[in-house]
């Protein structure tokens, strides 16, 4: 998550056969929020 520009390149292959473990506590990271949204939209 250090490089925000490469975040979606790393998760673009996620599908409904996969699982994402997302860890976030205040103050919440937008990178993690965006990754979770992308993963759920991918099923």
ModelCIF file with pLDDT and N, C-alpha, C, O atoms, coordinates in Angstrom:
data_MODEL
#
_entry.id   MODEL 
#
_entity.id                         1 
_entity.type                       polymer 
_entity.pdbx_number_of_molecules   1 
#
_entity_poly.entity_id                      1 
_entity_poly.type                           'polypeptide(L)' 
_entity_poly.nstd_linkage                   no 
_entity_poly.nstd_monomer                   no 
_entity_poly.pdbx_seq_one_letter_code       
;(UNK)(UNK)(UNK)(UNK)(UNK)(UNK)(UNK)(UNK)(UNK)(UNK)(UNK)(UNK)(UNK)(UNK)(UNK)(UNK)
(UNK)(UNK)(UNK)(UNK)(UNK)(UNK)(UNK)(UNK)(UNK)(UNK)(UNK)(UNK)(UNK)(UNK)(UNK)(UNK)
(UNK)(UNK)(UNK)(UNK)(UNK)(UNK)(UNK)(UNK)(UNK)(UNK)(UNK)
;
_entity_poly.pdbx_seq_one_letter_code_can   XXXXXXXXXXXXXXXXXXXXXXXXXXXXXXXXXXXXXXXXXXX 
_entity_poly.pdbx_strand_id                 A 
#
loop_
_entity_poly_seq.entity_id 
_entity_poly_seq.num 
_entity_poly_seq.mon_id 
_entity_poly_seq.hetero 
1 1  UNK n 
1 2  UNK n 
1 3  UNK n 
1 4  UNK n 
1 5  UNK n 
1 6  UNK n 
1 7  UNK n 
1 8  UNK n 
1 9  UNK n 
1 10 UNK n 
1 11 UNK n 
1 12 UNK n 
1 13 UNK n 
1 14 UNK n 
1 15 UNK n 
1 16 UNK n 
1 17 UNK n 
1 18 UNK n 
1 19 UNK n 
1 20 UNK n 
1 21 UNK n 
1 22 UNK n 
1 23 UNK n 
1 24 UNK n 
1 25 UNK n 
1 26 UNK n 
1 27 UNK n 
1 28 UNK n 
1 29 UNK n 
1 30 UNK n 
1 31 UNK n 
1 32 UNK n 
1 33 UNK n 
1 34 UNK n 
1 35 UNK n 
1 36 UNK n 
1 37 UNK n 
1 38 UNK n 
1 39 UNK n 
1 40 UNK n 
1 41 UNK n 
1 42 UNK n 
1 43 UNK n 
#
_struct_asym.id          A 
_struct_asym.entity_id   1 
#
loop_
_ma_qa_metric.id 
_ma_qa_metric.mode 
_ma_qa_metric.name 
_ma_qa_metric.software_group_id 
_ma_qa_metric.type 
1 global pLDDT . pLDDT 
2 local  pLDDT . pLDDT 
#
_ma_qa_metric_global.metric_id      1 
_ma_qa_metric_global.metric_value   90.58 
_ma_qa_metric_global.model_id       1 
_ma_qa_metric_global.ordinal_id     1 
#
loop_
_ma_qa_metric_local.label_asym_id 
_ma_qa_metric_local.label_comp_id 
_ma_qa_metric_local.label_seq_id 
_ma_qa_metric_local.metric_id 
_ma_qa_metric_local.metric_value 
_ma_qa_metric_local.model_id 
_ma_qa_metric_local.ordinal_id 
A UNK 1  2 78.00 1 1  
A UNK 2  2 73.00 1 2  
A UNK 3  2 67.00 1 3  
A UNK 4  2 60.00 1 4  
A UNK 5  2 65.00 1 5  
A UNK 6  2 82.00 1 6  
A UNK 7  2 87.00 1 7  
A UNK 8  2 89.00 1 8  
A UNK 9  2 90.00 1 9  
A UNK 10 2 92.00 1 10 
A UNK 11 2 94.00 1 11 
A UNK 12 2 94.00 1 12 
A UNK 13 2 95.00 1 13 
A UNK 14 2 97.00 1 14 
A UNK 15 2 97.00 1 15 
A UNK 16 2 97.00 1 16 
A UNK 17 2 98.00 1 17 
A UNK 18 2 98.00 1 18 
A UNK 19 2 98.00 1 19 
A UNK 20 2 98.00 1 20 
A UNK 21 2 98.00 1 21 
A UNK 22 2 98.00 1 22 
A UNK 23 2 97.00 1 23 
A UNK 24 2 94.00 1 24 
A UNK 25 2 88.00 1 25 
A UNK 26 2 81.00 1 26 
A UNK 27 2 78.00 1 27 
A UNK 28 2 87.00 1 28 
A UNK 29 2 90.00 1 29 
A UNK 30 2 91.00 1 30 
A UNK 31 2 92.00 1 31 
A UNK 32 2 95.00 1 32 
A UNK 33 2 95.00 1 33 
A UNK 34 2 94.00 1 34 
A UNK 35 2 95.00 1 35 
A UNK 36 2 97.00 1 36 
A UNK 37 2 96.00 1 37 
A UNK 38 2 96.00 1 38 
A UNK 39 2 97.00 1 39 
A UNK 40 2 97.00 1 40 
A UNK 41 2 96.00 1 41 
A UNK 42 2 97.00 1 42 
A UNK 43 2 97.00 1 43 
#
loop_
_atom_site.group_PDB 
_atom_site.id 
_atom_site.type_symbol 
_atom_site.label_atom_id 
_atom_site.label_alt_id 
_atom_site.label_comp_id 
_atom_site.label_asym_id 
_atom_site.label_entity_id 
_atom_site.label_seq_id 
_atom_site.pdbx_PDB_ins_code 
_atom_site.Cartn_x 
_atom_site.Cartn_y 
_atom_site.Cartn_z 
_atom_site.occupancy 
_atom_site.B_iso_or_equiv 
_atom_site.pdbx_formal_charge 
_atom_site.auth_seq_id 
_atom_site.auth_comp_id 
_atom_site.auth_asym_id 
_atom_site.auth_atom_id 
_atom_site.pdbx_PDB_model_num 
ATOM 1   N N  . UNK A 1 1  ? 0.814   -1.219  0.000   1.00 78.00 ? 1  UNK A N  1 
ATOM 2   C CA . UNK A 1 1  ? 0.000   0.000   0.000   1.00 78.00 ? 1  UNK A CA 1 
ATOM 3   C C  . UNK A 1 1  ? 0.845   1.265   0.000   1.00 78.00 ? 1  UNK A C  1 
ATOM 4   O O  . UNK A 1 1  ? 0.303   2.368   0.059   1.00 78.00 ? 1  UNK A O  1 
ATOM 5   N N  . UNK A 1 2  ? 2.164   1.122   -0.065  1.00 73.00 ? 2  UNK A N  1 
ATOM 6   C CA . UNK A 1 2  ? 3.032   2.301   -0.075  1.00 73.00 ? 2  UNK A CA 1 
ATOM 7   C C  . UNK A 1 2  ? 2.828   3.093   -1.358  1.00 73.00 ? 2  UNK A C  1 
ATOM 8   O O  . UNK A 1 2  ? 2.785   4.323   -1.338  1.00 73.00 ? 2  UNK A O  1 
ATOM 9   N N  . UNK A 1 3  ? 2.703   2.389   -2.460  1.00 67.00 ? 3  UNK A N  1 
ATOM 10  C CA . UNK A 1 3  ? 2.480   3.037   -3.749  1.00 67.00 ? 3  UNK A CA 1 
ATOM 11  C C  . UNK A 1 3  ? 1.008   2.930   -4.124  1.00 67.00 ? 3  UNK A C  1 
ATOM 12  O O  . UNK A 1 3  ? 0.552   1.887   -4.593  1.00 67.00 ? 3  UNK A O  1 
ATOM 13  N N  . UNK A 1 4  ? 0.266   4.021   -3.913  1.00 60.00 ? 4  UNK A N  1 
ATOM 14  C CA . UNK A 1 4  ? -1.170  4.002   -4.192  1.00 60.00 ? 4  UNK A CA 1 
ATOM 15  C C  . UNK A 1 4  ? -1.480  3.794   -5.662  1.00 60.00 ? 4  UNK A C  1 
ATOM 16  O O  . UNK A 1 4  ? -2.516  3.224   -6.007  1.00 60.00 ? 4  UNK A O  1 
ATOM 17  N N  . UNK A 1 5  ? -0.585  4.254   -6.535  1.00 65.00 ? 5  UNK A N  1 
ATOM 18  C CA . UNK A 1 5  ? -0.848  4.144   -7.970  1.00 65.00 ? 5  UNK A CA 1 
ATOM 19  C C  . UNK A 1 5  ? -0.814  2.700   -8.451  1.00 65.00 ? 5  UNK A C  1 
ATOM 20  O O  . UNK A 1 5  ? -1.411  2.379   -9.479  1.00 65.00 ? 5  UNK A O  1 
ATOM 21  N N  . UNK A 1 6  ? -0.126  1.827   -7.727  1.00 82.00 ? 6  UNK A N  1 
ATOM 22  C CA . UNK A 1 6  ? -0.011  0.433   -8.138  1.00 82.00 ? 6  UNK A CA 1 
ATOM 23  C C  . UNK A 1 6  ? -1.005  -0.486  -7.424  1.00 82.00 ? 6  UNK A C  1 
ATOM 24  O O  . UNK A 1 6  ? -1.021  -1.695  -7.658  1.00 82.00 ? 6  UNK A O  1 
ATOM 25  N N  . UNK A 1 7  ? -1.823  0.087   -6.562  1.00 87.00 ? 7  UNK A N  1 
ATOM 26  C CA . UNK A 1 7  ? -2.756  -0.714  -5.763  1.00 87.00 ? 7  UNK A CA 1 
ATOM 27  C C  . UNK A 1 7  ? -3.667  -1.559  -6.642  1.00 87.00 ? 7  UNK A C  1 
ATOM 28  O O  . UNK A 1 7  ? -3.780  -2.769  -6.441  1.00 87.00 ? 7  UNK A O  1 
ATOM 29  N N  . UNK A 1 8  ? -4.309  -0.935  -7.604  1.00 89.00 ? 8  UNK A N  1 
ATOM 30  C CA . UNK A 1 8  ? -5.274  -1.660  -8.425  1.00 89.00 ? 8  UNK A CA 1 
ATOM 31  C C  . UNK A 1 8  ? -4.604  -2.624  -9.392  1.00 89.00 ? 8  UNK A C  1 
ATOM 32  O O  . UNK A 1 8  ? -5.216  -3.601  -9.824  1.00 89.00 ? 8  UNK A O  1 
ATOM 33  N N  . UNK A 1 9  ? -3.361  -2.355  -9.729  1.00 90.00 ? 9  UNK A N  1 
ATOM 34  C CA . UNK A 1 9  ? -2.619  -3.314  -10.547 1.00 90.00 ? 9  UNK A CA 1 
ATOM 35  C C  . UNK A 1 9  ? -2.408  -4.617  -9.785  1.00 90.00 ? 9  UNK A C  1 
ATOM 36  O O  . UNK A 1 9  ? -2.378  -5.696  -10.376 1.00 90.00 ? 9  UNK A O  1 
ATOM 37  N N  . UNK A 1 10 ? -2.263  -4.505  -8.465  1.00 92.00 ? 10 UNK A N  1 
ATOM 38  C CA . UNK A 1 10 ? -2.026  -5.694  -7.639  1.00 92.00 ? 10 UNK A CA 1 
ATOM 39  C C  . UNK A 1 10 ? -3.291  -6.508  -7.402  1.00 92.00 ? 10 UNK A C  1 
ATOM 40  O O  . UNK A 1 10 ? -3.217  -7.716  -7.176  1.00 92.00 ? 10 UNK A O  1 
ATOM 41  N N  . UNK A 1 11 ? -4.446  -5.861  -7.451  1.00 94.00 ? 11 UNK A N  1 
ATOM 42  C CA . UNK A 1 11 ? -5.683  -6.581  -7.127  1.00 94.00 ? 11 UNK A CA 1 
ATOM 43  C C  . UNK A 1 11 ? -6.623  -6.725  -8.321  1.00 94.00 ? 11 UNK A C  1 
ATOM 44  O O  . UNK A 1 11 ? -7.742  -7.214  -8.168  1.00 94.00 ? 11 UNK A O  1 
ATOM 45  N N  . UNK A 1 12 ? -6.186  -6.309  -9.495  1.00 94.00 ? 12 UNK A N  1 
ATOM 46  C CA . UNK A 1 12 ? -7.094  -6.313  -10.645 1.00 94.00 ? 12 UNK A CA 1 
ATOM 47  C C  . UNK A 1 12 ? -7.576  -7.711  -11.026 1.00 94.00 ? 12 UNK A C  1 
ATOM 48  O O  . UNK A 1 12 ? -8.608  -7.848  -11.683 1.00 94.00 ? 12 UNK A O  1 
ATOM 49  N N  . UNK A 1 13 ? -6.842  -8.749  -10.621 1.00 95.00 ? 13 UNK A N  1 
ATOM 50  C CA . UNK A 1 13 ? -7.233  -10.110 -10.967 1.00 95.00 ? 13 UNK A CA 1 
ATOM 51  C C  . UNK A 1 13 ? -8.137  -10.776 -9.952  1.00 95.00 ? 13 UNK A C  1 
ATOM 52  O O  . UNK A 1 13 ? -8.492  -11.942 -10.123 1.00 95.00 ? 13 UNK A O  1 
ATOM 53  N N  . UNK A 1 14 ? -8.519  -10.071 -8.900  1.00 97.00 ? 14 UNK A N  1 
ATOM 54  C CA . UNK A 1 14 ? -9.335  -10.680 -7.851  1.00 97.00 ? 14 UNK A CA 1 
ATOM 55  C C  . UNK A 1 14 ? -10.714 -11.039 -8.405  1.00 97.00 ? 14 UNK A C  1 
ATOM 56  O O  . UNK A 1 14 ? -11.267 -10.309 -9.227  1.00 97.00 ? 14 UNK A O  1 
ATOM 57  N N  . UNK A 1 15 ? -11.269 -12.176 -7.947  1.00 97.00 ? 15 UNK A N  1 
ATOM 58  C CA . UNK A 1 15 ? -12.550 -12.655 -8.477  1.00 97.00 ? 15 UNK A CA 1 
ATOM 59  C C  . UNK A 1 15 ? -13.389 -13.262 -7.363  1.00 97.00 ? 15 UNK A C  1 
ATOM 60  O O  . UNK A 1 15 ? -13.019 -13.225 -6.190  1.00 97.00 ? 15 UNK A O  1 
ATOM 61  N N  . UNK A 1 16 ? -14.524 -13.819 -7.755  1.00 97.00 ? 16 UNK A N  1 
ATOM 62  C CA . UNK A 1 16 ? -15.435 -14.411 -6.782  1.00 97.00 ? 16 UNK A CA 1 
ATOM 63  C C  . UNK A 1 16 ? -14.916 -15.724 -6.208  1.00 97.00 ? 16 UNK A C  1 
ATOM 64  O O  . UNK A 1 16 ? -15.565 -16.325 -5.353  1.00 97.00 ? 16 UNK A O  1 
ATOM 65  N N  . UNK A 1 17 ? -13.757 -16.170 -6.668  1.00 98.00 ? 17 UNK A N  1 
ATOM 66  C CA . UNK A 1 17 ? -13.134 -17.365 -6.094  1.00 98.00 ? 17 UNK A CA 1 
ATOM 67  C C  . UNK A 1 17 ? -12.119 -17.008 -5.014  1.00 98.00 ? 17 UNK A C  1 
ATOM 68  O O  . UNK A 1 17 ? -11.525 -17.889 -4.393  1.00 98.00 ? 17 UNK A O  1 
ATOM 69  N N  . UNK A 1 18 ? -11.927 -15.715 -4.795  1.00 98.00 ? 18 UNK A N  1 
ATOM 70  C CA . UNK A 1 18 ? -10.865 -15.245 -3.913  1.00 98.00 ? 18 UNK A CA 1 
ATOM 71  C C  . UNK A 1 18 ? -11.420 -14.618 -2.632  1.00 98.00 ? 18 UNK A C  1 
ATOM 72  O O  . UNK A 1 18 ? -12.624 -14.400 -2.494  1.00 98.00 ? 18 UNK A O  1 
ATOM 73  N N  . UNK A 1 19 ? -10.516 -14.339 -1.714  1.00 98.00 ? 19 UNK A N  1 
ATOM 74  C CA . UNK A 1 19 ? -10.880 -13.656 -0.475  1.00 98.00 ? 19 UNK A CA 1 
ATOM 75  C C  . UNK A 1 19 ? -9.867  -12.542 -0.220  1.00 98.00 ? 19 UNK A C  1 
ATOM 76  O O  . UNK A 1 19 ? -8.681  -12.682 -0.515  1.00 98.00 ? 19 UNK A O  1 
ATOM 77  N N  . UNK A 1 20 ? -10.359 -11.440 0.331   1.00 98.00 ? 20 UNK A N  1 
ATOM 78  C CA . UNK A 1 20 ? -9.477  -10.359 0.757   1.00 98.00 ? 20 UNK A CA 1 
ATOM 79  C C  . UNK A 1 20 ? -9.634  -10.154 2.260   1.00 98.00 ? 20 UNK A C  1 
ATOM 80  O O  . UNK A 1 20 ? -10.749 -10.003 2.761   1.00 98.00 ? 20 UNK A O  1 
ATOM 81  N N  . UNK A 1 21 ? -8.513  -10.149 2.974   1.00 98.00 ? 21 UNK A N  1 
ATOM 82  C CA . UNK A 1 21 ? -8.519  -9.792  4.391   1.00 98.00 ? 21 UNK A CA 1 
ATOM 83  C C  . UNK A 1 21 ? -8.063  -8.343  4.473   1.00 98.00 ? 21 UNK A C  1 
ATOM 84  O O  . UNK A 1 21 ? -6.910  -8.028  4.178   1.00 98.00 ? 21 UNK A O  1 
ATOM 85  N N  . UNK A 1 22 ? -8.970  -7.468  4.872   1.00 98.00 ? 22 UNK A N  1 
ATOM 86  C CA . UNK A 1 22 ? -8.682  -6.032  4.939   1.00 98.00 ? 22 UNK A CA 1 
ATOM 87  C C  . UNK A 1 22 ? -8.624  -5.597  6.396   1.00 98.00 ? 22 UNK A C  1 
ATOM 88  O O  . UNK A 1 22 ? -9.535  -5.880  7.174   1.00 98.00 ? 22 UNK A O  1 
ATOM 89  N N  . UNK A 1 23 ? -7.548  -4.907  6.761   1.00 97.00 ? 23 UNK A N  1 
ATOM 90  C CA . UNK A 1 23 ? -7.337  -4.493  8.143   1.00 97.00 ? 23 UNK A CA 1 
ATOM 91  C C  . UNK A 1 23 ? -7.227  -2.973  8.179   1.00 97.00 ? 23 UNK A C  1 
ATOM 92  O O  . UNK A 1 23 ? -6.355  -2.393  7.533   1.00 97.00 ? 23 UNK A O  1 
ATOM 93  N N  . UNK A 1 24 ? -8.119  -2.327  8.940   1.00 94.00 ? 24 UNK A N  1 
ATOM 94  C CA . UNK A 1 24 ? -8.076  -0.865  9.010   1.00 94.00 ? 24 UNK A CA 1 
ATOM 95  C C  . UNK A 1 24 ? -8.720  -0.370  10.297  1.00 94.00 ? 24 UNK A C  1 
ATOM 96  O O  . UNK A 1 24 ? -9.782  -0.840  10.707  1.00 94.00 ? 24 UNK A O  1 
ATOM 97  N N  . UNK A 1 25 ? -8.054  0.583   10.916  1.00 88.00 ? 25 UNK A N  1 
ATOM 98  C CA . UNK A 1 25 ? -8.525  1.208   12.154  1.00 88.00 ? 25 UNK A CA 1 
ATOM 99  C C  . UNK A 1 25 ? -8.360  2.720   12.032  1.00 88.00 ? 25 UNK A C  1 
ATOM 100 O O  . UNK A 1 25 ? -7.566  3.194   11.219  1.00 88.00 ? 25 UNK A O  1 
ATOM 101 N N  . UNK A 1 26 ? -9.109  3.481   12.839  1.00 81.00 ? 26 UNK A N  1 
ATOM 102 C CA . UNK A 1 26 ? -8.974  4.944   12.729  1.00 81.00 ? 26 UNK A CA 1 
ATOM 103 C C  . UNK A 1 26 ? -7.523  5.394   12.953  1.00 81.00 ? 26 UNK A C  1 
ATOM 104 O O  . UNK A 1 26 ? -6.840  4.889   13.844  1.00 81.00 ? 26 UNK A O  1 
ATOM 105 N N  . UNK A 1 27 ? -7.074  6.328   12.152  1.00 78.00 ? 27 UNK A N  1 
ATOM 106 C CA . UNK A 1 27 ? -7.804  6.980   11.071  1.00 78.00 ? 27 UNK A CA 1 
ATOM 107 C C  . UNK A 1 27 ? -7.752  6.105   9.834   1.00 78.00 ? 27 UNK A C  1 
ATOM 108 O O  . UNK A 1 27 ? -6.676  5.702   9.392   1.00 78.00 ? 27 UNK A O  1 
ATOM 109 N N  . UNK A 1 28 ? -8.937  5.807   9.266   1.00 87.00 ? 28 UNK A N  1 
ATOM 110 C CA . UNK A 1 28 ? -9.065  4.814   8.214   1.00 87.00 ? 28 UNK A CA 1 
ATOM 111 C C  . UNK A 1 28 ? -8.322  5.227   6.937   1.00 87.00 ? 28 UNK A C  1 
ATOM 112 O O  . UNK A 1 28 ? -8.352  6.388   6.528   1.00 87.00 ? 28 UNK A O  1 
ATOM 113 N N  . UNK A 1 29 ? -7.661  4.253   6.326   1.00 90.00 ? 29 UNK A N  1 
ATOM 114 C CA . UNK A 1 29 ? -6.926  4.496   5.088   1.00 90.00 ? 29 UNK A CA 1 
ATOM 115 C C  . UNK A 1 29 ? -7.857  4.418   3.890   1.00 90.00 ? 29 UNK A C  1 
ATOM 116 O O  . UNK A 1 29 ? -8.595  3.445   3.736   1.00 90.00 ? 29 UNK A O  1 
ATOM 117 N N  . UNK A 1 30 ? -7.825  5.437   3.043   1.00 91.00 ? 30 UNK A N  1 
ATOM 118 C CA . UNK A 1 30 ? -8.646  5.431   1.825   1.00 91.00 ? 30 UNK A CA 1 
ATOM 119 C C  . UNK A 1 30 ? -8.203  4.322   0.870   1.00 91.00 ? 30 UNK A C  1 
ATOM 120 O O  . UNK A 1 30 ? -9.019  3.789   0.117   1.00 91.00 ? 30 UNK A O  1 
ATOM 121 N N  . UNK A 1 31 ? -6.930  3.977   0.900   1.00 92.00 ? 31 UNK A N  1 
ATOM 122 C CA . UNK A 1 31 ? -6.441  2.909   0.025   1.00 92.00 ? 31 UNK A CA 1 
ATOM 123 C C  . UNK A 1 31 ? -7.132  1.587   0.366   1.00 92.00 ? 31 UNK A C  1 
ATOM 124 O O  . UNK A 1 31 ? -7.538  0.842   -0.526  1.00 92.00 ? 31 UNK A O  1 
ATOM 125 N N  . UNK A 1 32 ? -7.261  1.306   1.651   1.00 95.00 ? 32 UNK A N  1 
ATOM 126 C CA . UNK A 1 32 ? -7.910  0.058   2.069   1.00 95.00 ? 32 UNK A CA 1 
ATOM 127 C C  . UNK A 1 32 ? -9.401  0.099   1.741   1.00 95.00 ? 32 UNK A C  1 
ATOM 128 O O  . UNK A 1 32 ? -9.962  -0.894  1.277   1.00 95.00 ? 32 UNK A O  1 
ATOM 129 N N  . UNK A 1 33 ? -10.041 1.238   1.977   1.00 95.00 ? 33 UNK A N  1 
ATOM 130 C CA . UNK A 1 33 ? -11.463 1.389   1.654   1.00 95.00 ? 33 UNK A CA 1 
ATOM 131 C C  . UNK A 1 33 ? -11.694 1.142   0.165   1.00 95.00 ? 33 UNK A C  1 
ATOM 132 O O  . UNK A 1 33 ? -12.617 0.421   -0.213  1.00 95.00 ? 33 UNK A O  1 
ATOM 133 N N  . UNK A 1 34 ? -10.860 1.738   -0.670  1.00 94.00 ? 34 UNK A N  1 
ATOM 134 C CA . UNK A 1 34 ? -11.001 1.570   -2.124  1.00 94.00 ? 34 UNK A CA 1 
ATOM 135 C C  . UNK A 1 34 ? -10.755 0.126   -2.550  1.00 94.00 ? 34 UNK A C  1 
ATOM 136 O O  . UNK A 1 34 ? -11.437 -0.388  -3.437  1.00 94.00 ? 34 UNK A O  1 
ATOM 137 N N  . UNK A 1 35 ? -9.782  -0.525  -1.918  1.00 95.00 ? 35 UNK A N  1 
ATOM 138 C CA . UNK A 1 35 ? -9.488  -1.918  -2.250  1.00 95.00 ? 35 UNK A CA 1 
ATOM 139 C C  . UNK A 1 35 ? -10.660 -2.827  -1.895  1.00 95.00 ? 35 UNK A C  1 
ATOM 140 O O  . UNK A 1 35 ? -10.998 -3.738  -2.650  1.00 95.00 ? 35 UNK A O  1 
ATOM 141 N N  . UNK A 1 36 ? -11.273 -2.576  -0.751  1.00 97.00 ? 36 UNK A N  1 
ATOM 142 C CA . UNK A 1 36 ? -12.436 -3.362  -0.328  1.00 97.00 ? 36 UNK A CA 1 
ATOM 143 C C  . UNK A 1 36 ? -13.589 -3.181  -1.309  1.00 97.00 ? 36 UNK A C  1 
ATOM 144 O O  . UNK A 1 36 ? -14.235 -4.154  -1.699  1.00 97.00 ? 36 UNK A O  1 
ATOM 145 N N  . UNK A 1 37 ? -13.846 -1.941  -1.706  1.00 96.00 ? 37 UNK A N  1 
ATOM 146 C CA . UNK A 1 37 ? -14.920 -1.676  -2.670  1.00 96.00 ? 37 UNK A CA 1 
ATOM 147 C C  . UNK A 1 37 ? -14.659 -2.437  -3.979  1.00 96.00 ? 37 UNK A C  1 
ATOM 148 O O  . UNK A 1 37 ? -15.566 -3.049  -4.543  1.00 96.00 ? 37 UNK A O  1 
ATOM 149 N N  . UNK A 1 38 ? -13.426 -2.390  -4.443  1.00 96.00 ? 38 UNK A N  1 
ATOM 150 C CA . UNK A 1 38 ? -13.071 -3.061  -5.701  1.00 96.00 ? 38 UNK A CA 1 
ATOM 151 C C  . UNK A 1 38 ? -13.258 -4.574  -5.575  1.00 96.00 ? 38 UNK A C  1 
ATOM 152 O O  . UNK A 1 38 ? -13.802 -5.216  -6.474  1.00 96.00 ? 38 UNK A O  1 
ATOM 153 N N  . UNK A 1 39 ? -12.806 -5.135  -4.458  1.00 97.00 ? 39 UNK A N  1 
ATOM 154 C CA . UNK A 1 39 ? -12.892 -6.581  -4.255  1.00 97.00 ? 39 UNK A CA 1 
ATOM 155 C C  . UNK A 1 39 ? -14.341 -7.056  -4.206  1.00 97.00 ? 39 UNK A C  1 
ATOM 156 O O  . UNK A 1 39 ? -14.679 -8.085  -4.790  1.00 97.00 ? 39 UNK A O  1 
ATOM 157 N N  . UNK A 1 40 ? -15.192 -6.312  -3.516  1.00 97.00 ? 40 UNK A N  1 
ATOM 158 C CA . UNK A 1 40 ? -16.597 -6.722  -3.426  1.00 97.00 ? 40 UNK A CA 1 
ATOM 159 C C  . UNK A 1 40 ? -17.293 -6.597  -4.774  1.00 97.00 ? 40 UNK A C  1 
ATOM 160 O O  . UNK A 1 40 ? -18.122 -7.435  -5.131  1.00 97.00 ? 40 UNK A O  1 
ATOM 161 N N  . UNK A 1 41 ? -16.955 -5.551  -5.522  1.00 96.00 ? 41 UNK A N  1 
ATOM 162 C CA . UNK A 1 41 ? -17.545 -5.398  -6.852  1.00 96.00 ? 41 UNK A CA 1 
ATOM 163 C C  . UNK A 1 41 ? -17.129 -6.539  -7.780  1.00 96.00 ? 41 UNK A C  1 
ATOM 164 O O  . UNK A 1 41 ? -17.845 -6.888  -8.719  1.00 96.00 ? 41 UNK A O  1 
ATOM 165 N N  . UNK A 1 42 ? -15.940 -7.119  -7.492  1.00 97.00 ? 42 UNK A N  1 
ATOM 166 C CA . UNK A 1 42 ? -15.464 -8.255  -8.284  1.00 97.00 ? 42 UNK A CA 1 
ATOM 167 C C  . UNK A 1 42 ? -16.053 -9.575  -7.796  1.00 97.00 ? 42 UNK A C  1 
ATOM 168 O O  . UNK A 1 42 ? -15.824 -10.620 -8.405  1.00 97.00 ? 42 UNK A O  1 
ATOM 169 N N  . UNK A 1 43 ? -16.813 -9.531  -6.697  1.00 97.00 ? 43 UNK A N  1 
ATOM 170 C CA . UNK A 1 43 ? -17.469 -10.730 -6.182  1.00 97.00 ? 43 UNK A CA 1 
ATOM 171 C C  . UNK A 1 43 ? -16.689 -11.496 -5.138  1.00 97.00 ? 43 UNK A C  1 
ATOM 172 O O  . UNK A 1 43 ? -17.160 -12.521 -4.644  1.00 97.00 ? 43 UNK A O  1 
#
